[in-house]
Amino acid sequence: MTSIADTLRAIEARAERAIVQELRLMTQEILAMRTMLVLEDRSHADALLLKLDRLAQDQMVTPASKSDTPVLLMPDLRLDEIQALEPVVYKVFFYDRACGDLEDVVTLDAFDTGVQWVCDRLDTRTDCVVEASWTNGRGALKVLTPNGTVLASVNAADDVDVAVHPVVSNACHALQSGDASRIGQLFGLMLKVA
């Protein structure tokens, strides 16, 4: 039978040649097993999580303009923040503009991916109200008409891959740091650079 230490070493060996999506899956695998680990294996798992994050960031595309900030897969995390992480899946709900009936639900693996889906599906040239928050390591977003009809929402669920536009990724990173203004700017006359 394979030990946890052997499993962690095997993941580390595969990580060196893995693409970003595989690195995300490895991260989720480690986070899922982390609660069952003894202290020594948990330390190894935490170090491996940091390495996976660095490897993923190394693969991220740098912006075309030197004045832009680079796109990050995940913000830099402290060890205590990594320990608090759980695998999070997000549900994106789309509603009919006229009567508010549920039209579609999409399940995704990251908050910024959900926001990208909403940006892609909604007519962002119309007026809307955006409510966004980041609480306990989880994002939430609602896009409403001016009269309060919900058009779309992104919410964490307890248990998928879309290319996230750099503007969306940076706005979500800013929200995690407490700046909710940048995510609201996504819904208006945005993404002209696409």
C-alpha atoms as a PDB file:
ATOM      1  CA  MET A   1       0.000   0.000   0.000  1.00  0.00           C
ATOM      2  CA  THR A   2       1.278   3.471  -0.905  1.00  0.00           C
ATOM      3  CA  SER A   3       1.960   5.861   1.968  1.00  0.00           C
ATOM      4  CA  ILE A   4       0.793   9.481   2.043  1.00  0.00           C
ATOM      5  CA  ALA A   5       4.420  10.636   1.792  1.00  0.00           C
ATOM      6  CA  ASP A   6       4.856   8.559  -1.391  1.00  0.00           C
ATOM      7  CA  THR A   7       1.645  10.014  -2.813  1.00  0.00           C
ATOM      8  CA  LEU A   8       2.847  13.570  -2.098  1.00  0.00           C
ATOM      9  CA  ARG A   9       6.216  12.826  -3.712  1.00  0.00           C
ATOM     10  CA  ALA A  10       4.469  11.419  -6.801  1.00  0.00           C
ATOM     11  CA  ILE A  11       2.312  14.559  -7.083  1.00  0.00           C
ATOM     12  CA  GLU A  12       5.430  16.713  -6.749  1.00  0.00           C
ATOM     13  CA  ALA A  13       7.187  14.768  -9.511  1.00  0.00           C
ATOM     14  CA  ARG A  14       4.176  15.125 -11.855  1.00  0.00           C
ATOM     15  CA  ALA A  15       3.855  18.834 -11.055  1.00  0.00           C
ATOM     16  CA  GLU A  16       7.133  19.735 -12.743  1.00  0.00           C
ATOM     17  CA  ARG A  17       5.666  19.005 -16.186  1.00  0.00           C
ATOM     18  CA  ALA A  18       1.969  19.712 -15.532  1.00  0.00           C
ATOM     19  CA  ILE A  19      -0.129  22.445 -17.134  1.00  0.00           C
ATOM     20  CA  VAL A  20      -2.166  24.927 -15.062  1.00  0.00           C
ATOM     21  CA  GLN A  21      -5.379  22.864 -15.143  1.00  0.00           C
ATOM     22  CA  GLU A  22      -3.507  19.789 -13.886  1.00  0.00           C
ATOM     23  CA  LEU A  23      -1.868  21.882 -11.164  1.00  0.00           C
ATOM     24  CA  ARG A  24      -5.331  23.030 -10.042  1.00  0.00           C
ATOM     25  CA  LEU A  25      -6.508  19.420  -9.844  1.00  0.00           C
ATOM     26  CA  MET A  26      -3.407  18.467  -7.856  1.00  0.00           C
ATOM     27  CA  THR A  27      -4.067  21.352  -5.475  1.00  0.00           C
ATOM     28  CA  GLN A  28      -7.651  20.165  -4.957  1.00  0.00           C
ATOM     29  CA  GLU A  29      -6.414  16.603  -4.373  1.00  0.00           C
ATOM     30  CA  ILE A  30      -3.950  17.766  -1.711  1.00  0.00           C
ATOM     31  CA  LEU A  31      -6.531  19.999  -0.022  1.00  0.00           C
ATOM     32  CA  ALA A  32      -8.993  17.087   0.097  1.00  0.00           C
ATOM     33  CA  MET A  33      -6.495  14.767   1.823  1.00  0.00           C
ATOM     34  CA  ARG A  34      -4.923  17.459   4.023  1.00  0.00           C
ATOM     35  CA  THR A  35      -7.314  17.073   6.969  1.00  0.00           C
ATOM     36  CA  MET A  36      -6.338  13.399   7.354  1.00  0.00           C
ATOM     37  CA  LEU A  37      -2.586  14.035   7.479  1.00  0.00           C
ATOM     38  CA  VAL A  38      -0.262  13.813  10.429  1.00  0.00           C
ATOM     39  CA  LEU A  39       1.806  16.905  11.228  1.00  0.00           C
ATOM     40  CA  GLU A  40       4.899  15.897   9.212  1.00  0.00           C
ATOM     41  CA  ASP A  41       2.858  15.006   6.116  1.00  0.00           C
ATOM     42  CA  ARG A  42       0.761  18.164   6.552  1.00  0.00           C
ATOM     43  CA  SER A  43       3.926  20.287   6.472  1.00  0.00           C
ATOM     44  CA  HIS A  44       5.005  18.511   3.293  1.00  0.00           C
ATOM     45  CA  ALA A  45       1.524  19.062   1.798  1.00  0.00           C
ATOM     46  CA  ASP A  46       1.600  22.789   2.687  1.00  0.00           C
ATOM     47  CA  ALA A  47       5.003  23.214   1.069  1.00  0.00           C
ATOM     48  CA  LEU A  48       3.764  21.342  -1.998  1.00  0.00           C
ATOM     49  CA  LEU A  49       0.714  23.639  -2.219  1.00  0.00           C
ATOM     50  CA  LEU A  50       3.036  26.635  -2.306  1.00  0.00           C
ATOM     51  CA  LYS A  51       5.137  24.980  -5.015  1.00  0.00           C
ATOM     52  CA  LEU A  52       2.071  24.185  -7.124  1.00  0.00           C
ATOM     53  CA  ASP A  53       0.942  27.801  -6.850  1.00  0.00           C
ATOM     54  CA  ARG A  54       4.389  29.045  -7.947  1.00  0.00           C
ATOM     55  CA  LEU A  55       4.463  26.617 -10.894  1.00  0.00           C
ATOM     56  CA  ALA A  56       0.994  27.764 -11.981  1.00  0.00           C
ATOM     57  CA  GLN A  57       1.981  31.429 -11.723  1.00  0.00           C
ATOM     58  CA  ASP A  58       5.071  30.759 -13.821  1.00  0.00           C
ATOM     59  CA  GLN A  59       2.809  29.519 -16.630  1.00  0.00           C
ATOM     60  CA  MET A  60       0.458  32.499 -16.577  1.00  0.00           C
ATOM     61  CA  VAL A  61       0.567  34.852 -19.541  1.00  0.00           C
ATOM     62  CA  THR A  62       2.147  38.235 -18.910  1.00  0.00           C
ATOM     63  CA  PRO A  63       0.232  41.280 -20.180  1.00  0.00           C
ATOM     64  CA  ALA A  64       1.064  42.822 -23.562  1.00  0.00           C
ATOM     65  CA  SER A  65       1.608  46.251 -22.020  1.00  0.00           C
ATOM     66  CA  LYS A  66       4.361  46.770 -19.470  1.00  0.00           C
ATOM     67  CA  SER A  67       2.101  49.175 -17.557  1.00  0.00           C
ATOM     68  CA  ASP A  68      -0.430  46.404 -16.853  1.00  0.00           C
ATOM     69  CA  THR A  69      -0.078  44.221 -13.808  1.00  0.00           C
ATOM     70  CA  PRO A  70       0.597  40.516 -14.367  1.00  0.00           C
ATOM     71  CA  VAL A  71      -2.237  38.031 -14.132  1.00  0.00           C
ATOM     72  CA  LEU A  72      -2.123  35.805 -11.056  1.00  0.00           C
ATOM     73  CA  LEU A  73      -3.704  32.397 -10.745  1.00  0.00           C
ATOM     74  CA  MET A  74      -3.983  32.729  -6.990  1.00  0.00           C
ATOM     75  CA  PRO A  75      -2.931  35.540  -4.685  1.00  0.00           C
ATOM     76  CA  ASP A  76       0.125  34.921  -2.545  1.00  0.00           C
ATOM     77  CA  LEU A  77      -1.143  32.962   0.435  1.00  0.00           C
ATOM     78  CA  ARG A  78       0.250  32.704   3.921  1.00  0.00           C
ATOM     79  CA  LEU A  79       0.527  29.226   5.433  1.00  0.00           C
ATOM     80  CA  ASP A  80      -2.438  29.826   7.781  1.00  0.00           C
ATOM     81  CA  GLU A  81      -4.590  30.859   4.794  1.00  0.00           C
ATOM     82  CA  ILE A  82      -3.656  27.694   2.916  1.00  0.00           C
ATOM     83  CA  GLN A  83      -4.642  25.642   5.935  1.00  0.00           C
ATOM     84  CA  ALA A  84      -8.066  27.300   5.947  1.00  0.00           C
ATOM     85  CA  LEU A  85      -8.674  26.547   2.262  1.00  0.00           C
ATOM     86  CA  GLU A  86     -11.181  23.966   1.166  1.00  0.00           C
ATOM     87  CA  PRO A  87     -11.935  22.976  -2.393  1.00  0.00           C
ATOM     88  CA  VAL A  88     -14.646  25.415  -3.519  1.00  0.00           C
ATOM     89  CA  VAL A  89     -16.919  25.007  -6.496  1.00  0.00           C
ATOM     90  CA  TYR A  90     -19.043  27.883  -7.751  1.00  0.00           C
ATOM     91  CA  LYS A  91     -22.524  27.811  -9.263  1.00  0.00           C
ATOM     92  CA  VAL A  92     -23.403  30.495 -11.785  1.00  0.00           C
ATOM     93  CA  PHE A  93     -27.143  31.168 -12.142  1.00  0.00           C
ATOM     94  CA  PHE A  94     -28.622  33.043 -15.115  1.00  0.00           C
ATOM     95  CA  TYR A  95     -32.136  34.534 -14.946  1.00  0.00           C
ATOM     96  CA  ASP A  96     -34.558  35.897 -17.522  1.00  0.00           C
ATOM     97  CA  ARG A  97     -34.475  39.716 -17.694  1.00  0.00           C
ATOM     98  CA  ALA A  98     -38.230  40.084 -18.169  1.00  0.00           C
ATOM     99  CA  CYS A  99     -39.684  37.913 -15.410  1.00  0.00           C
ATOM    100  CA  GLY A 100     -36.706  36.637 -13.428  1.00  0.00           C
ATOM    101  CA  ASP A 101     -37.165  32.925 -14.241  1.00  0.00           C
ATOM    102  CA  LEU A 102     -34.097  30.710 -13.907  1.00  0.00           C
ATOM    103  CA  GLU A 103     -32.674  30.042 -17.378  1.00  0.00           C
ATOM    104  CA  ASP A 104     -29.376  28.248 -16.798  1.00  0.00           C
ATOM    105  CA  VAL A 105     -26.977  27.016 -14.117  1.00  0.00           C
ATOM    106  CA  VAL A 106     -23.262  26.425 -14.677  1.00  0.00           C
ATOM    107  CA  THR A 107     -20.854  24.794 -12.192  1.00  0.00           C
ATOM    108  CA  LEU A 108     -17.258  26.037 -12.230  1.00  0.00           C
ATOM    109  CA  ASP A 109     -14.111  25.595 -10.157  1.00  0.00           C
ATOM    110  CA  ALA A 110     -13.213  29.221  -9.435  1.00  0.00           C
ATOM    111  CA  PHE A 111     -14.889  32.536  -8.614  1.00  0.00           C
ATOM    112  CA  ASP A 112     -13.131  34.483 -11.362  1.00  0.00           C
ATOM    113  CA  THR A 113     -14.221  31.839 -13.879  1.00  0.00           C
ATOM    114  CA  GLY A 114     -17.835  32.381 -12.792  1.00  0.00           C
ATOM    115  CA  VAL A 115     -17.488  36.154 -13.155  1.00  0.00           C
ATOM    116  CA  GLN A 116     -16.046  35.608 -16.650  1.00  0.00           C
ATOM    117  CA  TRP A 117     -19.088  33.482 -17.595  1.00  0.00           C
ATOM    118  CA  VAL A 118     -21.398  36.251 -16.419  1.00  0.00           C
ATOM    119  CA  CYS A 119     -19.420  38.850 -18.409  1.00  0.00           C
ATOM    120  CA  ASP A 120     -19.582  36.669 -21.521  1.00  0.00           C
ATOM    121  CA  ARG A 121     -23.307  35.911 -21.278  1.00  0.00           C
ATOM    122  CA  LEU A 122     -24.803  39.234 -20.185  1.00  0.00           C
ATOM    123  CA  ASP A 123     -25.227  42.308 -22.336  1.00  0.00           C
ATOM    124  CA  THR A 124     -22.732  44.443 -20.424  1.00  0.00           C
ATOM    125  CA  ARG A 125     -23.698  47.614 -22.315  1.00  0.00           C
ATOM    126  CA  THR A 126     -26.925  47.970 -20.325  1.00  0.00           C
ATOM    127  CA  ASP A 127     -27.254  49.519 -16.891  1.00  0.00           C
ATOM    128  CA  CYS A 128     -27.012  47.092 -14.020  1.00  0.00           C
ATOM    129  CA  VAL A 129     -26.253  47.005 -10.319  1.00  0.00           C
ATOM    130  CA  VAL A 130     -23.428  44.770  -9.098  1.00  0.00           C
ATOM    131  CA  GLU A 131     -23.209  43.394  -5.564  1.00  0.00           C
ATOM    132  CA  ALA A 132     -19.937  41.596  -4.822  1.00  0.00           C
ATOM    133  CA  SER A 133     -18.269  40.341  -1.668  1.00  0.00           C
ATOM    134  CA  TRP A 134     -15.414  38.137  -0.478  1.00  0.00           C
ATOM    135  CA  THR A 135     -16.030  36.425   2.860  1.00  0.00           C
ATOM    136  CA  ASN A 136     -14.249  33.483   4.500  1.00  0.00           C
ATOM    137  CA  GLY A 137     -12.268  32.736   1.352  1.00  0.00           C
ATOM    138  CA  ARG A 138     -15.345  32.615  -0.868  1.00  0.00           C
ATOM    139  CA  GLY A 139     -16.620  35.091  -3.431  1.00  0.00           C
ATOM    140  CA  ALA A 140     -20.210  36.065  -4.152  1.00  0.00           C
ATOM    141  CA  LEU A 141     -21.602  38.189  -6.979  1.00  0.00           C
ATOM    142  CA  LYS A 142     -25.061  39.364  -8.046  1.00  0.00           C
ATOM    143  CA  VAL A 143     -25.852  41.368 -11.168  1.00  0.00           C
ATOM    144  CA  LEU A 144     -29.256  43.054 -11.013  1.00  0.00           C
ATOM    145  CA  THR A 145     -31.293  45.381 -13.189  1.00  0.00           C
ATOM    146  CA  PRO A 146     -31.765  48.918 -11.791  1.00  0.00           C
ATOM    147  CA  ASN A 147     -35.220  47.854 -10.545  1.00  0.00           C
ATOM    148  CA  GLY A 148     -33.768  44.873  -8.608  1.00  0.00           C
ATOM    149  CA  THR A 149     -34.395  41.884 -10.899  1.00  0.00           C
ATOM    150  CA  VAL A 150     -31.494  39.435 -10.578  1.00  0.00           C
ATOM    151  CA  LEU A 151     -29.878  38.727 -13.957  1.00  0.00           C
ATOM    152  CA  ALA A 152     -27.034  36.490 -12.788  1.00  0.00           C
ATOM    153  CA  SER A 153     -25.309  35.352  -9.621  1.00  0.00           C
ATOM    154  CA  VAL A 154     -22.126  33.509  -8.701  1.00  0.00           C
ATOM    155  CA  ASN A 155     -22.161  31.631  -5.387  1.00  0.00           C
ATOM    156  CA  ALA A 156     -19.928  29.087  -3.699  1.00  0.00           C
ATOM    157  CA  ALA A 157     -21.218  25.532  -3.650  1.00  0.00           C
ATOM    158  CA  ASP A 158     -19.754  22.589  -1.758  1.00  0.00           C
ATOM    159  CA  ASP A 159     -18.223  20.617  -4.494  1.00  0.00           C
ATOM    160  CA  VAL A 160     -14.534  22.591 -14.830  1.00  0.00           C
ATOM    161  CA  ASP A 161     -12.328  25.223 -17.021  1.00  0.00           C
ATOM    162  CA  VAL A 162     -12.877  28.638 -18.642  1.00  0.00           C
ATOM    163  CA  ALA A 163     -10.201  31.009 -19.893  1.00  0.00           C
ATOM    164  CA  VAL A 164     -10.470  34.034 -17.608  1.00  0.00           C
ATOM    165  CA  HIS A 165      -9.820  37.439 -19.150  1.00  0.00           C
ATOM    166  CA  PRO A 166      -6.948  39.278 -17.383  1.00  0.00           C
ATOM    167  CA  VAL A 167      -9.242  42.214 -16.532  1.00  0.00           C
ATOM    168  CA  VAL A 168     -11.642  39.860 -14.723  1.00  0.00           C
ATOM    169  CA  SER A 169      -8.824  38.071 -12.910  1.00  0.00           C
ATOM    170  CA  ASN A 170      -7.317  41.354 -11.707  1.00  0.00           C
ATOM    171  CA  ALA A 171     -10.720  42.644 -10.561  1.00  0.00           C
ATOM    172  CA  CYS A 172     -11.352  39.441  -8.586  1.00  0.00           C
ATOM    173  CA  HIS A 173      -7.887  39.661  -7.027  1.00  0.00           C
ATOM    174  CA  ALA A 174      -8.668  43.269  -6.025  1.00  0.00           C
ATOM    175  CA  LEU A 175     -11.956  42.105  -4.443  1.00  0.00           C
ATOM    176  CA  GLN A 176     -10.039  39.548  -2.361  1.00  0.00           C
ATOM    177  CA  SER A 177      -7.892  42.442  -1.135  1.00  0.00           C
ATOM    178  CA  GLY A 178     -10.971  44.466  -0.189  1.00  0.00           C
ATOM    179  CA  ASP A 179     -11.410  46.653  -3.299  1.00  0.00           C
ATOM    180  CA  ALA A 180     -14.945  45.985  -4.595  1.00  0.00           C
ATOM    181  CA  SER A 181     -14.928  48.944  -7.007  1.00  0.00           C
ATOM    182  CA  ARG A 182     -12.925  47.243  -9.775  1.00  0.00           C
ATOM    183  CA  ILE A 183     -15.288  44.285 -10.099  1.00  0.00           C
ATOM    184  CA  GLY A 184     -18.227  46.655 -10.575  1.00  0.00           C
ATOM    185  CA  GLN A 185     -16.399  48.229 -13.513  1.00  0.00           C
ATOM    186  CA  LEU A 186     -16.574  44.913 -15.393  1.00  0.00           C
ATOM    187  CA  PHE A 187     -20.259  45.476 -16.061  1.00  0.00           C
ATOM    188  CA  GLY A 188     -20.694  48.491 -18.274  1.00  0.00           C
ATOM    189  CA  LEU A 189     -18.675  49.399 -21.301  1.00  0.00           C
ATOM    190  CA  MET A 190     -15.852  47.007 -20.414  1.00  0.00           C
ATOM    191  CA  LEU A 191     -13.626  44.486 -22.152  1.00  0.00           C
ATOM    192  CA  LYS A 192     -13.081  46.664 -25.223  1.00  0.00           C
ATOM    193  CA  VAL A 193      -9.610  45.111 -25.375  1.00  0.00           C
ATOM    194  CA  ALA A 194     -10.991  41.686 -26.266  1.00  0.00           C
END
